[in-house]
Amino acid sequence: MLFFVLIPFINTINYHLTYSNIRWDWYTITTYLIDTAQGFIAWGLIKATILWFDKKMPYEKGFVKRIIAQLLATNVVAQGFIVLATELINMRFGDGPLPIKFYTYNLFIFFIWVLVLNGIYIGFYFYDQWHYTLALRNQEKKLRSTGFEVLLGNKTKNVPFGDIAFFLVEDRTTYLQTMTRERFVLDDSLNKIVPRLPEELFFRVNRKYIVHRNLIKGYRKAVNGKLVVGFHSDTTNIKEQVISRINAPHFKKWFRITAHRV
């Protein structure tokens, strides 16, 4: 919506920068409307180019490289279209090709405006990213404050995350076990439970267990890059569990980062 107002505004400024005396007759109005239409098409091309870069070269994979490539590509696409469209219109209704001097000045102005449009888009992009991150943090805070919901007959109960020892799959049934060894039967699989847990508090050790960080005593290396995780025996009767070679690096990183919580 912003650009529907911004494009005519930019075109008006361009007219005042390009022409010293502007007479608002039918010729000027017609050329102004044509230039404004070109501006909208040019913005559409810029937007399509940026969206292509969003898919092929995200900011997270190389911010500086992405910005440089995006600025160059959007300028080539937008200004290439403007030059081509201007020449075709002038050949059809004007006196032939425009002088180089006309483009030398005007293309510099277009270059500045393309930079401005890119800056606005990039600003909106990072604002959306910040807003999304903030929403995730608020969701995590709400999640931590409510605990994990279990069903008891026709009623529900919230088990605080600090009271949960682990989630277990046993005989095709999923259980939640507390630090006091109280068990609750759950309807969901471990795959569905993981997204509902605070990442800094729980880790899925293997196909059978999701464990709380406070339950983990430590780990040791095993063969083939695997890890063996040990637990506090005074809290629960869970035995040592093996973490696969693929998940071992993720576990070691998570264990290190969350060490201050124990």
Protein backbone atom coordinates (compact mmCIF):
# COMPACT_ATOMS: atom_id res chain seq x y z
CA MET A 1 0.00 0.00 0.00
CA LEU A 2 2.86 2.37 0.80
CA PHE A 3 4.30 2.11 -2.72
CA PHE A 4 0.98 3.05 -4.36
CA VAL A 5 1.49 6.46 -2.77
CA LEU A 6 5.28 6.52 -2.95
CA ILE A 7 5.64 5.90 -6.70
CA PRO A 8 3.54 8.95 -7.81
CA PHE A 9 5.33 11.01 -5.15
CA ILE A 10 8.73 9.94 -6.51
CA ASN A 11 7.62 10.74 -10.06
CA THR A 12 6.50 14.22 -9.00
CA ILE A 13 9.89 14.92 -7.44
CA ASN A 14 11.60 13.61 -10.59
CA TYR A 15 9.64 16.07 -12.70
CA HIS A 16 10.74 18.99 -10.55
CA LEU A 17 14.36 17.80 -10.64
CA THR A 18 14.36 17.24 -14.41
CA TYR A 19 12.42 20.25 -15.68
CA SER A 20 12.90 23.85 -14.51
CA ASN A 21 9.55 25.05 -15.91
CA ILE A 22 6.58 22.73 -15.70
CA ARG A 23 3.35 23.61 -17.47
CA TRP A 24 0.56 21.30 -16.43
CA ASP A 25 -1.08 20.98 -19.83
CA TRP A 26 -2.44 17.81 -21.42
CA TYR A 27 1.01 16.85 -22.74
CA THR A 28 2.59 17.10 -19.30
CA ILE A 29 -0.29 15.25 -17.65
CA THR A 30 -0.11 12.46 -20.25
CA THR A 31 3.66 12.03 -19.89
CA TYR A 32 3.32 12.18 -16.10
CA LEU A 33 0.73 9.38 -16.14
CA ILE A 34 2.90 7.30 -18.50
CA ASP A 35 5.97 7.80 -16.31
CA THR A 36 3.97 6.91 -13.22
CA ALA A 37 2.73 3.72 -14.88
CA GLN A 38 6.34 2.90 -15.77
CA GLY A 39 7.26 3.51 -12.14
CA PHE A 40 4.68 0.99 -10.95
CA ILE A 41 5.92 -1.61 -13.45
CA ALA A 42 9.53 -0.90 -12.48
CA TRP A 43 8.64 -1.39 -8.81
CA GLY A 44 6.94 -4.67 -9.71
CA LEU A 45 10.15 -5.80 -11.40
CA ILE A 46 12.20 -4.68 -8.40
CA LYS A 47 9.90 -6.56 -6.04
CA ALA A 48 10.01 -9.72 -8.17
CA THR A 49 13.82 -9.53 -8.25
CA ILE A 50 14.04 -9.10 -4.48
CA LEU A 51 11.66 -12.01 -3.86
CA TRP A 52 13.81 -14.15 -6.14
CA PHE A 53 16.85 -13.25 -4.04
CA ASP A 54 14.88 -14.08 -0.88
CA LYS A 55 14.57 -17.65 -2.13
CA LYS A 56 17.99 -18.09 -3.73
CA MET A 57 20.24 -15.95 -1.52
CA PRO A 58 18.72 -15.29 1.95
CA TYR A 59 20.21 -12.48 4.03
CA GLU A 60 21.27 -14.99 6.69
CA LYS A 61 23.67 -16.76 4.31
CA GLY A 62 25.71 -13.65 3.50
CA PHE A 63 24.27 -10.23 4.25
CA VAL A 64 26.83 -8.03 2.46
CA LYS A 65 26.98 -10.25 -0.63
CA ARG A 66 23.18 -10.34 -0.79
CA ILE A 67 22.82 -6.56 -0.48
CA ILE A 68 25.39 -5.85 -3.20
CA ALA A 69 23.88 -8.41 -5.59
CA GLN A 70 20.35 -7.16 -4.88
CA LEU A 71 21.26 -3.49 -5.48
CA LEU A 72 23.01 -4.28 -8.75
CA ALA A 73 20.27 -6.58 -10.04
CA THR A 74 17.36 -4.29 -9.14
CA ASN A 75 19.07 -1.31 -10.77
CA VAL A 76 19.77 -3.24 -13.97
CA VAL A 77 16.22 -4.61 -14.16
CA ALA A 78 14.42 -1.37 -13.27
CA GLN A 79 16.56 1.03 -15.28
CA GLY A 80 16.77 -1.35 -18.21
CA PHE A 81 12.98 -1.44 -18.36
CA ILE A 82 12.68 2.35 -18.01
CA VAL A 83 15.17 2.99 -20.83
CA LEU A 84 13.55 0.42 -23.12
CA ALA A 85 10.00 1.65 -22.43
CA THR A 86 11.01 5.32 -22.83
CA GLU A 87 12.70 4.64 -26.16
CA LEU A 88 9.75 2.63 -27.51
CA ILE A 89 7.24 5.32 -26.49
CA ASN A 90 9.42 8.10 -27.89
CA MET A 91 9.89 6.23 -31.18
CA ARG A 92 6.15 5.74 -31.46
CA PHE A 93 4.96 9.19 -30.42
CA GLY A 94 8.10 11.36 -30.33
CA ASP A 95 10.94 12.43 -32.60
CA GLY A 96 13.22 9.40 -32.29
CA PRO A 97 15.87 8.40 -29.75
CA LEU A 98 16.49 10.71 -26.80
CA PRO A 99 19.92 12.30 -26.32
CA ILE A 100 22.47 10.64 -24.04
CA LYS A 101 22.46 13.73 -21.83
CA PHE A 102 18.83 13.02 -20.91
CA TYR A 103 19.71 9.56 -19.62
CA THR A 104 22.95 10.61 -17.90
CA TYR A 105 21.05 12.84 -15.51
CA ASN A 106 17.80 10.91 -15.18
CA LEU A 107 19.34 7.48 -14.73
CA PHE A 108 21.37 8.85 -11.84
CA ILE A 109 18.12 10.04 -10.23
CA PHE A 110 16.54 6.63 -10.89
CA PHE A 111 19.58 4.97 -9.33
CA ILE A 112 19.07 6.96 -6.11
CA TRP A 113 15.38 6.07 -6.00
CA VAL A 114 16.10 2.37 -6.53
CA LEU A 115 18.47 2.55 -3.56
CA VAL A 116 15.70 4.19 -1.52
CA LEU A 117 13.17 1.50 -2.50
CA ASN A 118 15.66 -1.23 -1.61
CA GLY A 119 16.32 0.43 1.74
CA ILE A 120 12.60 0.61 2.51
CA TYR A 121 12.13 -3.07 1.64
CA ILE A 122 15.15 -4.17 3.67
CA GLY A 123 13.90 -2.10 6.62
CA PHE A 124 10.46 -3.74 6.44
CA TYR A 125 12.07 -7.17 6.12
CA PHE A 126 14.13 -6.83 9.29
CA TYR A 127 11.20 -5.24 11.11
CA ASP A 128 9.10 -8.30 10.27
CA GLN A 129 11.95 -10.56 11.41
CA TRP A 130 12.20 -8.67 14.70
CA HIS A 131 8.43 -8.81 15.16
CA TYR A 132 8.43 -12.57 14.43
CA THR A 133 11.26 -13.17 16.90
CA LEU A 134 9.43 -11.14 19.53
CA ALA A 135 6.28 -13.17 18.97
CA LEU A 136 8.26 -16.41 19.40
CA ARG A 137 9.75 -15.15 22.66
CA ASN A 138 6.32 -14.20 23.97
CA GLN A 139 5.03 -17.62 22.97
CA GLU A 140 7.92 -19.31 24.79
CA LYS A 141 7.28 -17.21 27.92
CA LYS A 142 3.63 -18.20 27.83
CA LEU A 143 4.62 -21.81 27.28
CA ARG A 144 6.98 -21.81 30.25
CA SER A 145 4.41 -20.16 32.50
CA THR A 146 1.60 -22.61 31.73
CA GLY A 147 3.50 -25.91 31.86
CA PHE A 148 2.53 -29.08 30.02
CA GLU A 149 -1.15 -29.96 29.85
CA VAL A 150 -2.23 -33.54 30.67
CA LEU A 151 -5.67 -35.11 30.67
CA LEU A 152 -7.07 -36.62 33.87
CA GLY A 153 -10.44 -38.14 33.07
CA ASN A 154 -12.62 -35.24 31.91
CA LYS A 155 -10.32 -32.62 33.42
CA THR A 156 -6.96 -31.20 32.46
CA LYS A 157 -3.94 -30.46 34.60
CA ASN A 158 -0.88 -28.32 33.93
CA VAL A 159 2.35 -29.97 35.04
CA PRO A 160 5.07 -27.30 35.56
CA PHE A 161 8.04 -27.91 33.31
CA GLY A 162 10.34 -27.90 36.32
CA ASP A 163 8.47 -30.90 37.72
CA ILE A 164 8.84 -33.02 34.57
CA ALA A 165 11.66 -35.58 34.53
CA PHE A 166 11.12 -37.04 31.06
CA PHE A 167 8.69 -38.17 28.39
CA LEU A 168 8.82 -41.85 27.57
CA VAL A 169 7.48 -44.21 24.90
CA GLU A 170 6.95 -47.69 26.31
CA ASP A 171 4.87 -50.49 24.80
CA ARG A 172 3.53 -48.04 22.18
CA THR A 173 2.25 -45.74 24.91
CA THR A 174 3.58 -42.25 25.66
CA TYR A 175 4.08 -41.22 29.27
CA LEU A 176 5.03 -38.09 31.17
CA GLN A 177 6.96 -38.85 34.35
CA THR A 178 7.59 -36.24 37.03
CA MET A 179 10.60 -35.84 39.29
CA THR A 180 8.57 -37.58 42.02
CA ARG A 181 7.98 -40.57 39.65
CA GLU A 182 4.32 -39.77 39.06
CA ARG A 183 3.22 -40.87 35.58
CA PHE A 184 0.59 -39.55 33.17
CA VAL A 185 -0.55 -41.25 29.96
CA LEU A 186 -0.44 -38.99 26.89
CA ASP A 187 -2.21 -39.27 23.55
CA ASP A 188 0.51 -37.59 21.47
CA SER A 189 3.73 -39.04 20.10
CA LEU A 190 7.14 -37.64 21.01
CA ASN A 191 7.29 -35.95 17.59
CA LYS A 192 4.23 -33.88 18.46
CA ILE A 193 5.39 -33.19 22.01
CA VAL A 194 8.81 -31.72 21.15
CA PRO A 195 7.50 -28.46 19.57
CA ARG A 196 5.43 -27.79 22.72
CA LEU A 197 8.46 -27.82 25.02
CA PRO A 198 10.96 -25.05 25.84
CA GLU A 199 14.04 -25.91 23.82
CA GLU A 200 16.41 -24.82 26.58
CA LEU A 201 14.84 -27.23 29.10
CA PHE A 202 14.31 -30.46 27.15
CA PHE A 203 16.23 -32.60 24.69
CA ARG A 204 15.07 -35.61 22.73
CA VAL A 205 17.78 -38.14 23.47
CA ASN A 206 16.48 -40.85 21.16
CA ARG A 207 13.25 -42.38 19.88
CA LYS A 208 12.27 -43.39 23.39
CA TYR A 209 13.07 -40.42 25.64
CA ILE A 210 12.75 -36.65 25.90
CA VAL A 211 14.55 -35.60 29.10
CA HIS A 212 14.71 -32.48 31.25
CA ARG A 213 18.07 -30.73 31.48
CA ASN A 214 18.16 -31.00 35.29
CA LEU A 215 17.90 -34.77 35.02
CA ILE A 216 21.12 -35.12 33.02
CA LYS A 217 24.23 -35.83 35.06
CA GLY A 218 26.69 -35.92 32.18
CA TYR A 219 27.81 -37.88 29.16
CA ARG A 220 30.74 -39.83 27.81
CA LYS A 221 31.94 -40.76 24.34
CA ALA A 222 31.09 -44.12 22.86
CA VAL A 223 32.11 -45.93 19.67
CA ASN A 224 31.41 -44.52 16.20
CA GLY A 225 30.91 -40.97 17.47
CA LYS A 226 27.96 -41.86 19.69
CA LEU A 227 27.40 -40.55 23.22
CA VAL A 228 26.19 -42.25 26.39
CA VAL A 229 24.15 -39.97 28.64
CA GLY A 230 23.96 -40.55 32.39
CA PHE A 231 21.20 -39.34 34.70
CA HIS A 232 20.78 -38.54 38.39
CA SER A 233 19.79 -41.89 39.90
CA ASP A 234 18.33 -40.34 43.05
CA THR A 235 15.63 -38.58 41.01
CA THR A 236 14.42 -41.32 38.74
CA ASN A 237 15.22 -44.86 37.68
CA ILE A 238 16.05 -44.00 34.08
CA LYS A 239 19.13 -45.84 32.84
CA GLU A 240 21.92 -44.58 30.62
CA GLN A 241 20.80 -43.75 27.09
CA VAL A 242 22.72 -43.70 23.80
CA ILE A 243 22.64 -40.68 21.50
CA SER A 244 23.28 -41.36 17.83
CA ARG A 245 26.30 -40.06 15.96
CA ILE A 246 24.08 -37.64 14.01
CA ASN A 247 22.51 -36.08 17.11
CA ALA A 248 25.69 -36.13 19.21
CA PRO A 249 27.00 -32.69 18.05
CA HIS A 250 23.58 -31.08 18.67
CA PHE A 251 23.42 -32.58 22.14
CA LYS A 252 26.92 -31.44 23.12
CA LYS A 253 26.16 -27.89 21.95
CA TRP A 254 22.81 -27.86 23.79
CA PHE A 255 24.39 -29.36 26.93
CA ARG A 256 27.10 -26.68 26.94
CA ILE A 257 24.74 -23.76 26.34
CA THR A 258 22.26 -24.87 29.01
CA ALA A 259 24.88 -25.74 31.66
CA HIS A 260 24.09 -22.59 33.66
CA ARG A 261 20.49 -23.77 34.19
CA VAL A 262 21.49 -26.78 36.27
